Structure formats: C-alpha cells, structure tokens
C-alpha cells in the first residue's frame, strides 16, 4: 500500500482501485482507533483515513482521562504489527 498522497479526482473519473481492504475507518480519534484495532484484531485489512496531521481527533484535546479495557498495550502492539504487515 502506497503512502503517497494522490491528487484529488472526481469519483466518476476513477477507473480502477490501487488498494483493496476489508474495512475503511474515517477518522482516527478514540472511536476510529478502537474500530480499526478491533477490525485488525479480527483479521481484517484496515485503512484508516484521518484529515489531521496526527491521530487523536478531538479526544486528544480532552482535558480529562479515558479508559479502554480492550485497548491494552499488548493488543495495541499486536495490531500495530498486523497493520504494518498488511501495508
């Protein structure tokens, strides 16, 4: 999968797809991150689209704390490795 950012084109002009994935996640905030992790952990090839320069969404601007039981460090490392392997 390429990391080059392509030029924007009209959807009607697309003649073929360069990548194939099982799940597309729009936004890499807390919900999108958990969705991507869950899908990848279940074996899906995941594409995450985020318009910001970094992950986090509005959650990264929160003044409080949050807790994710399902997103432990071991799982995050496993999923990160799986995502790299599918790239």
PDB file of N, CA and C in Angstrom:
ATOM      1  N   UNK A   1       0.852  -1.163   0.000  1.00  0.00           N
ATOM      2  CA  UNK A   1       0.000   0.000   0.000  1.00  0.00           C
ATOM      3  C   UNK A   1       0.902   1.232   0.000  1.00  0.00           C
ATOM      4  N   UNK A   2       0.610   2.161  -0.872  1.00  0.00           N
ATOM      5  CA  UNK A   2       1.432   3.357  -1.007  1.00  0.00           C
ATOM      6  C   UNK A   2       1.090   4.386   0.068  1.00  0.00           C
ATOM      7  N   UNK A   3       2.086   5.150   0.483  1.00  0.00           N
ATOM      8  CA  UNK A   3       1.847   6.239   1.432  1.00  0.00           C
ATOM      9  C   UNK A   3       1.851   7.594   0.731  1.00  0.00           C
ATOM     10  N   UNK A   4       2.011   7.595  -0.603  1.00  0.00           N
ATOM     11  CA  UNK A   4       1.968   8.848  -1.364  1.00  0.00           C
ATOM     12  C   UNK A   4       0.543   9.386  -1.364  1.00  0.00           C
ATOM     13  N   UNK A   5       0.412  10.697  -1.219  1.00  0.00           N
ATOM     14  CA  UNK A   5      -0.907  11.319  -1.232  1.00  0.00           C
ATOM     15  C   UNK A   5      -1.267  11.655  -2.675  1.00  0.00           C
ATOM     16  N   UNK A   6      -2.309  11.026  -3.213  1.00  0.00           N
ATOM     17  CA  UNK A   6      -2.667  11.267  -4.617  1.00  0.00           C
ATOM     18  C   UNK A   6      -3.413  12.591  -4.782  1.00  0.00           C
ATOM     19  N   UNK A   7      -3.465  13.072  -6.007  1.00  0.00           N
ATOM     20  CA  UNK A   7      -4.247  14.259  -6.334  1.00  0.00           C
ATOM     21  C   UNK A   7      -5.729  13.915  -6.172  1.00  0.00           C
ATOM     22  N   UNK A   8      -6.528  14.896  -5.794  1.00  0.00           N
ATOM     23  CA  UNK A   8      -7.971  14.696  -5.662  1.00  0.00           C
ATOM     24  C   UNK A   8      -8.595  14.619  -7.048  1.00  0.00           C
ATOM     25  N   UNK A   9      -9.449  13.621  -7.241  1.00  0.00           N
ATOM     26  CA  UNK A   9     -10.149  13.462  -8.516  1.00  0.00           C
ATOM     27  C   UNK A   9     -11.626  13.247  -8.245  1.00  0.00           C
ATOM     28  N   UNK A  10     -12.430  13.520  -9.227  1.00  0.00           N
ATOM     29  CA  UNK A  10     -13.862  13.268  -9.134  1.00  0.00           C
ATOM     30  C   UNK A  10     -14.087  11.754  -9.139  1.00  0.00           C
ATOM     31  N   UNK A  11     -15.007  11.271  -8.332  1.00  0.00           N
ATOM     32  CA  UNK A  11     -15.267   9.828  -8.225  1.00  0.00           C
ATOM     33  C   UNK A  11     -15.617   9.214  -9.581  1.00  0.00           C
ATOM     34  N   UNK A  12     -16.276   9.961 -10.433  1.00  0.00           N
ATOM     35  CA  UNK A  12     -16.657   9.450 -11.757  1.00  0.00           C
ATOM     36  C   UNK A  12     -15.441   9.195 -12.641  1.00  0.00           C
ATOM     37  N   UNK A  13     -14.309   9.812 -12.321  1.00  0.00           N
ATOM     38  CA  UNK A  13     -13.094   9.645 -13.116  1.00  0.00           C
ATOM     39  C   UNK A  13     -12.241   8.449 -12.689  1.00  0.00           C
ATOM     40  N   UNK A  14     -12.585   7.801 -11.588  1.00  0.00           N
ATOM     41  CA  UNK A  14     -11.801   6.670 -11.090  1.00  0.00           C
ATOM     42  C   UNK A  14     -12.085   5.447 -11.956  1.00  0.00           C
ATOM     43  N   UNK A  15     -11.031   4.922 -12.592  1.00  0.00           N
ATOM     44  CA  UNK A  15     -11.198   3.765 -13.477  1.00  0.00           C
ATOM     45  C   UNK A  15     -10.776   2.460 -12.826  1.00  0.00           C
ATOM     46  N   UNK A  16      -9.941   2.533 -11.780  1.00  0.00           N
ATOM     47  CA  UNK A  16      -9.521   1.320 -11.079  1.00  0.00           C
ATOM     48  C   UNK A  16      -9.068   1.686  -9.675  1.00  0.00           C
ATOM     49  N   UNK A  17      -9.005   0.678  -8.806  1.00  0.00           N
ATOM     50  CA  UNK A  17      -8.574   0.871  -7.423  1.00  0.00           C
ATOM     51  C   UNK A  17      -7.171   0.328  -7.264  1.00  0.00           C
ATOM     52  N   UNK A  18      -6.322   1.029  -6.499  1.00  0.00           N
ATOM     53  CA  UNK A  18      -4.948   0.582  -6.298  1.00  0.00           C
ATOM     54  C   UNK A  18      -4.793  -0.285  -5.057  1.00  0.00           C
ATOM     55  N   UNK A  19      -5.744  -0.211  -4.140  1.00  0.00           N
ATOM     56  CA  UNK A  19      -5.663  -0.971  -2.899  1.00  0.00           C
ATOM     57  C   UNK A  19      -7.011  -1.626  -2.621  1.00  0.00           C
ATOM     58  N   UNK A  20      -6.961  -2.718  -1.890  1.00  0.00           N
ATOM     59  CA  UNK A  20      -8.187  -3.412  -1.512  1.00  0.00           C
ATOM     60  C   UNK A  20      -8.115  -3.707  -0.016  1.00  0.00           C
ATOM     61  N   UNK A  21      -9.134  -3.297   0.723  1.00  0.00           N
ATOM     62  CA  UNK A  21      -9.182  -3.512   2.164  1.00  0.00           C
ATOM     63  C   UNK A  21     -10.557  -4.048   2.534  1.00  0.00           C
ATOM     64  N   UNK A  22     -10.654  -4.569   3.742  1.00  0.00           N
ATOM     65  CA  UNK A  22     -11.925  -5.080   4.250  1.00  0.00           C
ATOM     66  C   UNK A  22     -12.726  -3.997   4.963  1.00  0.00           C
ATOM     67  N   UNK A  23     -12.026  -3.096   5.660  1.00  0.00           N
ATOM     68  CA  UNK A  23     -12.679  -2.076   6.479  1.00  0.00           C
ATOM     69  C   UNK A  23     -12.006  -0.731   6.227  1.00  0.00           C
ATOM     70  N   UNK A  24     -12.816   0.307   6.028  1.00  0.00           N
ATOM     71  CA  UNK A  24     -12.317   1.678   5.938  1.00  0.00           C
ATOM     72  C   UNK A  24     -12.849   2.426   7.155  1.00  0.00           C
ATOM     73  N   UNK A  25     -11.936   3.011   7.917  1.00  0.00           N
ATOM     74  CA  UNK A  25     -12.307   3.784   9.103  1.00  0.00           C
ATOM     75  C   UNK A  25     -12.049   5.255   8.783  1.00  0.00           C
ATOM     76  N   UNK A  26     -13.079   6.074   8.942  1.00  0.00           N
ATOM     77  CA  UNK A  26     -12.960   7.507   8.688  1.00  0.00           C
ATOM     78  C   UNK A  26     -12.745   8.211  10.020  1.00  0.00           C
ATOM     79  N   UNK A  27     -11.560   8.736  10.229  1.00  0.00           N
ATOM     80  CA  UNK A  27     -11.225   9.436  11.466  1.00  0.00           C
ATOM     81  C   UNK A  27     -10.483   8.533  12.434  1.00  0.00           C
ATOM     82  N   UNK A  28      -9.360   9.037  12.966  1.00  0.00           N
ATOM     83  CA  UNK A  28      -8.548   8.245  13.879  1.00  0.00           C
ATOM     84  C   UNK A  28      -8.556   8.859  15.273  1.00  0.00           C
ATOM     85  N   UNK A  29      -9.766   9.187  15.734  1.00  0.00           N
ATOM     86  CA  UNK A  29      -9.950   9.589  17.120  1.00  0.00           C
ATOM     87  C   UNK A  29     -10.116   8.331  17.956  1.00  0.00           C
ATOM     88  N   UNK A  30     -10.680   8.459  19.132  1.00  0.00           N
ATOM     89  CA  UNK A  30     -10.801   7.296  20.015  1.00  0.00           C
ATOM     90  C   UNK A  30     -11.728   6.231  19.422  1.00  0.00           C
ATOM     91  N   UNK A  31     -12.840   6.652  18.823  1.00  0.00           N
ATOM     92  CA  UNK A  31     -13.776   5.682  18.238  1.00  0.00           C
ATOM     93  C   UNK A  31     -13.177   5.024  17.002  1.00  0.00           C
ATOM     94  N   UNK A  32     -12.589   5.830  16.120  1.00  0.00           N
ATOM     95  CA  UNK A  32     -11.977   5.275  14.915  1.00  0.00           C
ATOM     96  C   UNK A  32     -10.803   4.375  15.234  1.00  0.00           C
ATOM     97  N   UNK A  33     -10.006   4.767  16.220  1.00  0.00           N
ATOM     98  CA  UNK A  33      -8.871   3.938  16.630  1.00  0.00           C
ATOM     99  C   UNK A  33      -9.315   2.593  17.162  1.00  0.00           C
ATOM    100  N   UNK A  34     -10.337   2.603  18.010  1.00  0.00           N
ATOM    101  CA  UNK A  34     -10.855   1.345  18.554  1.00  0.00           C
ATOM    102  C   UNK A  34     -11.479   0.482  17.461  1.00  0.00           C
ATOM    103  N   UNK A  35     -12.186   1.120  16.530  1.00  0.00           N
ATOM    104  CA  UNK A  35     -12.774   0.371  15.418  1.00  0.00           C
ATOM    105  C   UNK A  35     -11.684  -0.280  14.568  1.00  0.00           C
ATOM    106  N   UNK A  36     -10.630   0.466  14.285  1.00  0.00           N
ATOM    107  CA  UNK A  36      -9.527  -0.061  13.481  1.00  0.00           C
ATOM    108  C   UNK A  36      -8.821  -1.207  14.202  1.00  0.00           C
ATOM    109  N   UNK A  37      -8.584  -1.033  15.479  1.00  0.00           N
ATOM    110  CA  UNK A  37      -7.923  -2.076  16.271  1.00  0.00           C
ATOM    111  C   UNK A  37      -8.781  -3.336  16.325  1.00  0.00           C
ATOM    112  N   UNK A  38     -10.055  -3.169  16.582  1.00  0.00           N
ATOM    113  CA  UNK A  38     -10.962  -4.329  16.666  1.00  0.00           C
ATOM    114  C   UNK A  38     -11.035  -5.070  15.340  1.00  0.00           C
ATOM    115  N   UNK A  39     -11.150  -4.323  14.246  1.00  0.00           N
ATOM    116  CA  UNK A  39     -11.228  -4.953  12.930  1.00  0.00           C
ATOM    117  C   UNK A  39      -9.929  -5.672  12.583  1.00  0.00           C
ATOM    118  N   UNK A  40      -8.790  -5.031  12.836  1.00  0.00           N
ATOM    119  CA  UNK A  40      -7.498  -5.652  12.546  1.00  0.00           C
ATOM    120  C   UNK A  40      -7.272  -6.884  13.424  1.00  0.00           C
ATOM    121  N   UNK A  41      -7.675  -6.799  14.691  1.00  0.00           N
ATOM    122  CA  UNK A  41      -7.521  -7.944  15.595  1.00  0.00           C
ATOM    123  C   UNK A  41      -8.365  -9.125  15.136  1.00  0.00           C
ATOM    124  N   UNK A  42      -9.462  -8.829  14.438  1.00  0.00           N
ATOM    125  CA  UNK A  42     -10.324  -9.898  13.910  1.00  0.00           C
ATOM    126  C   UNK A  42      -9.841 -10.407  12.559  1.00  0.00           C
ATOM    127  N   UNK A  43      -8.720  -9.851  12.073  1.00  0.00           N
ATOM    128  CA  UNK A  43      -8.129 -10.345  10.842  1.00  0.00           C
ATOM    129  C   UNK A  43      -8.421  -9.514   9.604  1.00  0.00           C
ATOM    130  N   UNK A  44      -9.112  -8.399   9.741  1.00  0.00           N
ATOM    131  CA  UNK A  44      -9.437  -7.561   8.587  1.00  0.00           C
ATOM    132  C   UNK A  44      -8.247  -6.708   8.167  1.00  0.00           C
ATOM    133  N   UNK A  45      -8.172  -6.426   6.884  1.00  0.00           N
ATOM    134  CA  UNK A  45      -7.222  -5.432   6.373  1.00  0.00           C
ATOM    135  C   UNK A  45      -7.908  -4.089   6.519  1.00  0.00           C
ATOM    136  N   UNK A  46      -7.278  -3.159   7.219  1.00  0.00           N
ATOM    137  CA  UNK A  46      -7.924  -1.908   7.609  1.00  0.00           C
ATOM    138  C   UNK A  46      -7.203  -0.712   6.981  1.00  0.00           C
ATOM    139  N   UNK A  47      -7.990   0.236   6.481  1.00  0.00           N
ATOM    140  CA  UNK A  47      -7.477   1.509   6.004  1.00  0.00           C
ATOM    141  C   UNK A  47      -8.086   2.586   6.880  1.00  0.00           C
ATOM    142  N   UNK A  48      -7.226   3.395   7.506  1.00  0.00           N
ATOM    143  CA  UNK A  48      -7.689   4.500   8.363  1.00  0.00           C
ATOM    144  C   UNK A  48      -7.421   5.800   7.632  1.00  0.00           C
ATOM    145  N   UNK A  49      -8.462   6.613   7.480  1.00  0.00           N
ATOM    146  CA  UNK A  49      -8.328   7.925   6.849  1.00  0.00           C
ATOM    147  C   UNK A  49      -8.515   9.000   7.903  1.00  0.00           C
ATOM    148  N   UNK A  50      -7.540   9.877   8.017  1.00  0.00           N
ATOM    149  CA  UNK A  50      -7.584  10.954   9.015  1.00  0.00           C
ATOM    150  C   UNK A  50      -7.136  12.243   8.342  1.00  0.00           C
ATOM    151  N   UNK A  51      -7.893  13.306   8.510  1.00  0.00           N
ATOM    152  CA  UNK A  51      -7.522  14.566   7.861  1.00  0.00           C
ATOM    153  C   UNK A  51      -6.482  15.354   8.648  1.00  0.00           C
ATOM    154  N   UNK A  52      -6.367  15.099   9.934  1.00  0.00           N
ATOM    155  CA  UNK A  52      -5.383  15.811  10.750  1.00  0.00           C
ATOM    156  C   UNK A  52      -3.988  15.236  10.519  1.00  0.00           C
ATOM    157  N   UNK A  53      -2.988  15.964  10.974  1.00  0.00           N
ATOM    158  CA  UNK A  53      -1.602  15.529  10.802  1.00  0.00           C
ATOM    159  C   UNK A  53      -1.227  14.395  11.748  1.00  0.00           C
ATOM    160  N   UNK A  54      -2.035  14.171  12.781  1.00  0.00           N
ATOM    161  CA  UNK A  54      -1.734  13.122  13.753  1.00  0.00           C
ATOM    162  C   UNK A  54      -3.029  12.468  14.228  1.00  0.00           C
ATOM    163  N   UNK A  55      -2.905  11.297  14.791  1.00  0.00           N
ATOM    164  CA  UNK A  55      -4.070  10.593  15.332  1.00  0.00           C
ATOM    165  C   UNK A  55      -4.547  11.270  16.610  1.00  0.00           C
ATOM    166  N   UNK A  56      -5.763  11.021  16.960  1.00  0.00           N
ATOM    167  CA  UNK A  56      -6.271  11.519  18.229  1.00  0.00           C
ATOM    168  C   UNK A  56      -7.614  12.208  18.138  1.00  0.00           C
ATOM    169  N   UNK A  57      -7.893  12.856  17.016  1.00  0.00           N
ATOM    170  CA  UNK A  57      -9.158  13.553  16.863  1.00  0.00           C
ATOM    171  C   UNK A  57      -9.401  14.535  18.001  1.00  0.00           C
ATOM    172  N   UNK A  58     -10.651  14.802  18.303  1.00  0.00           N
ATOM    173  CA  UNK A  58     -10.962  15.741  19.385  1.00  0.00           C
ATOM    174  C   UNK A  58     -10.654  15.141  20.752  1.00  0.00           C
ATOM    175  N   UNK A  59     -10.529  13.818  20.828  1.00  0.00           N
ATOM    176  CA  UNK A  59     -10.174  13.186  22.093  1.00  0.00           C
ATOM    177  C   UNK A  59      -8.814  13.666  22.575  1.00  0.00           C
ATOM    178  N   UNK A  60      -7.914  13.930  21.643  1.00  0.00           N
ATOM    179  CA  UNK A  60      -6.572  14.378  22.031  1.00  0.00           C
ATOM    180  C   UNK A  60      -6.598  15.768  22.666  1.00  0.00           C
ATOM    181  N   UNK A  61      -7.693  16.486  22.500  1.00  0.00           N
ATOM    182  CA  UNK A  61      -7.818  17.806  23.098  1.00  0.00           C
ATOM    183  C   UNK A  61      -8.594  17.777  24.413  1.00  0.00           C
ATOM    184  N   UNK A  62      -9.055  16.582  24.810  1.00  0.00           N
ATOM    185  CA  UNK A  62      -9.856  16.460  26.028  1.00  0.00           C
ATOM    186  C   UNK A  62      -9.010  16.760  27.262  1.00  0.00           C
ATOM    187  N   UNK A  63      -9.623  17.381  28.232  1.00  0.00           N
ATOM    188  CA  UNK A  63      -8.916  17.709  29.463  1.00  0.00           C
ATOM    189  C   UNK A  63      -8.964  16.586  30.477  1.00  0.00           C
ATOM    190  N   UNK A  64      -9.823  15.610  30.260  1.00  0.00           N
ATOM    191  CA  UNK A  64      -9.972  14.510  31.213  1.00  0.00           C
ATOM    192  C   UNK A  64      -9.207  13.280  30.782  1.00  0.00           C
ATOM    193  N   UNK A  65      -9.551  12.185  31.399  1.00  0.00           N
ATOM    194  CA  UNK A  65      -8.913  10.900  31.097  1.00  0.00           C
ATOM    195  C   UNK A  65      -9.965   9.952  30.560  1.00  0.00           C
ATOM    196  N   UNK A  66      -9.516   8.946  29.865  1.00  0.00           N
ATOM    197  CA  UNK A  66     -10.427   7.910  29.390  1.00  0.00           C
ATOM    198  C   UNK A  66      -9.757   6.569  29.587  1.00  0.00           C
ATOM    199  N   UNK A  67     -10.564   5.526  29.671  1.00  0.00           N
ATOM    200  CA  UNK A  67     -10.067   4.191  29.933  1.00  0.00           C
ATOM    201  C   UNK A  67     -10.648   3.236  28.913  1.00  0.00           C
ATOM    202  N   UNK A  68      -9.802   2.451  28.266  1.00  0.00           N
ATOM    203  CA  UNK A  68     -10.244   1.469  27.295  1.00  0.00           C
ATOM    204  C   UNK A  68      -9.754   0.099  27.731  1.00  0.00           C
ATOM    205  N   UNK A  69     -10.637  -0.697  28.262  1.00  0.00           N
ATOM    206  CA  UNK A  69     -10.281  -2.039  28.711  1.00  0.00           C
ATOM    207  C   UNK A  69      -9.739  -2.883  27.558  1.00  0.00           C
ATOM    208  N   UNK A  70     -10.377  -2.775  26.384  1.00  0.00           N
ATOM    209  CA  UNK A  70      -9.992  -3.622  25.250  1.00  0.00           C
ATOM    210  C   UNK A  70      -8.705  -3.169  24.575  1.00  0.00           C
ATOM    211  N   UNK A  71      -8.220  -1.981  24.859  1.00  0.00           N
ATOM    212  CA  UNK A  71      -7.048  -1.448  24.165  1.00  0.00           C
ATOM    213  C   UNK A  71      -5.821  -1.465  25.063  1.00  0.00           C
ATOM    214  N   UNK A  72      -5.440  -2.629  25.504  1.00  0.00           N
ATOM    215  CA  UNK A  72      -4.244  -2.772  26.336  1.00  0.00           C
ATOM    216  C   UNK A  72      -2.998  -2.717  25.476  1.00  0.00           C
ATOM    217  N   UNK A  73      -1.879  -2.466  26.090  1.00  0.00           N
ATOM    218  CA  UNK A  73      -0.619  -2.334  25.372  1.00  0.00           C
ATOM    219  C   UNK A  73      -0.263  -3.515  24.500  1.00  0.00           C
ATOM    220  N   UNK A  74      -0.479  -4.742  24.996  1.00  0.00           N
ATOM    221  CA  UNK A  74      -0.129  -5.924  24.209  1.00  0.00           C
ATOM    222  C   UNK A  74      -0.964  -5.964  22.931  1.00  0.00           C
ATOM    223  N   UNK A  75      -2.268  -5.694  23.052  1.00  0.00           N
ATOM    224  CA  UNK A  75      -3.143  -5.714  21.891  1.00  0.00           C
ATOM    225  C   UNK A  75      -2.733  -4.629  20.905  1.00  0.00           C
ATOM    226  N   UNK A  76      -2.413  -3.442  21.396  1.00  0.00           N
ATOM    227  CA  UNK A  76      -2.002  -2.359  20.517  1.00  0.00           C
ATOM    228  C   UNK A  76      -0.731  -2.708  19.759  1.00  0.00           C
ATOM    229  N   UNK A  77       0.232  -3.334  20.445  1.00  0.00           N
ATOM    230  CA  UNK A  77       1.458  -3.747  19.764  1.00  0.00           C
ATOM    231  C   UNK A  77       1.159  -4.801  18.705  1.00  0.00           C
ATOM    232  N   UNK A  78       0.299  -5.769  19.027  1.00  0.00           N
ATOM    233  CA  UNK A  78      -0.055  -6.813  18.065  1.00  0.00           C
ATOM    234  C   UNK A  78      -0.744  -6.223  16.845  1.00  0.00           C
ATOM    235  N   UNK A  79      -1.674  -5.315  17.073  1.00  0.00           N
ATOM    236  CA  UNK A  79      -2.414  -4.713  15.966  1.00  0.00           C
ATOM    237  C   UNK A  79      -1.497  -3.832  15.135  1.00  0.00           C
ATOM    238  N   UNK A  80      -0.626  -3.074  15.775  1.00  0.00           N
ATOM    239  CA  UNK A  80       0.313  -2.236  15.030  1.00  0.00           C
ATOM    240  C   UNK A  80       1.177  -3.108  14.135  1.00  0.00           C
ATOM    241  N   UNK A  81       1.616  -4.243  14.634  1.00  0.00           N
ATOM    242  CA  UNK A  81       2.401  -5.164  13.821  1.00  0.00           C
ATOM    243  C   UNK A  81       1.593  -5.725  12.674  1.00  0.00           C
ATOM    244  N   UNK A  82       0.327  -6.053  12.923  1.00  0.00           N
ATOM    245  CA  UNK A  82      -0.543  -6.574  11.883  1.00  0.00           C
ATOM    246  C   UNK A  82      -0.805  -5.529  10.802  1.00  0.00           C
ATOM    247  N   UNK A  83      -0.999  -4.287  11.229  1.00  0.00           N
ATOM    248  CA  UNK A  83      -1.234  -3.213  10.267  1.00  0.00           C
ATOM    249  C   UNK A  83      -0.007  -2.980   9.404  1.00  0.00           C
ATOM    250  N   UNK A  84       1.195  -3.037   9.986  1.00  0.00           N
ATOM    251  CA  UNK A  84       2.416  -2.871   9.222  1.00  0.00           C
ATOM    252  C   UNK A  84       2.576  -4.014   8.222  1.00  0.00           C
ATOM    253  N   UNK A  85       2.178  -5.219   8.623  1.00  0.00           N
ATOM    254  CA  UNK A  85       2.333  -6.391   7.765  1.00  0.00           C
ATOM    255  C   UNK A  85       1.410  -6.310   6.555  1.00  0.00           C
ATOM    256  N   UNK A  86       0.267  -5.623   6.687  1.00  0.00           N
ATOM    257  CA  UNK A  86      -0.662  -5.530   5.563  1.00  0.00           C
ATOM    258  C   UNK A  86      -0.376  -4.344   4.670  1.00  0.00           C
ATOM    259  N   UNK A  87       0.552  -3.488   5.090  1.00  0.00           N
ATOM    260  CA  UNK A  87       0.846  -2.278   4.298  1.00  0.00           C
ATOM    261  C   UNK A  87       1.641  -2.603   3.061  1.00  0.00           C
TER     262      UNK A  87
END
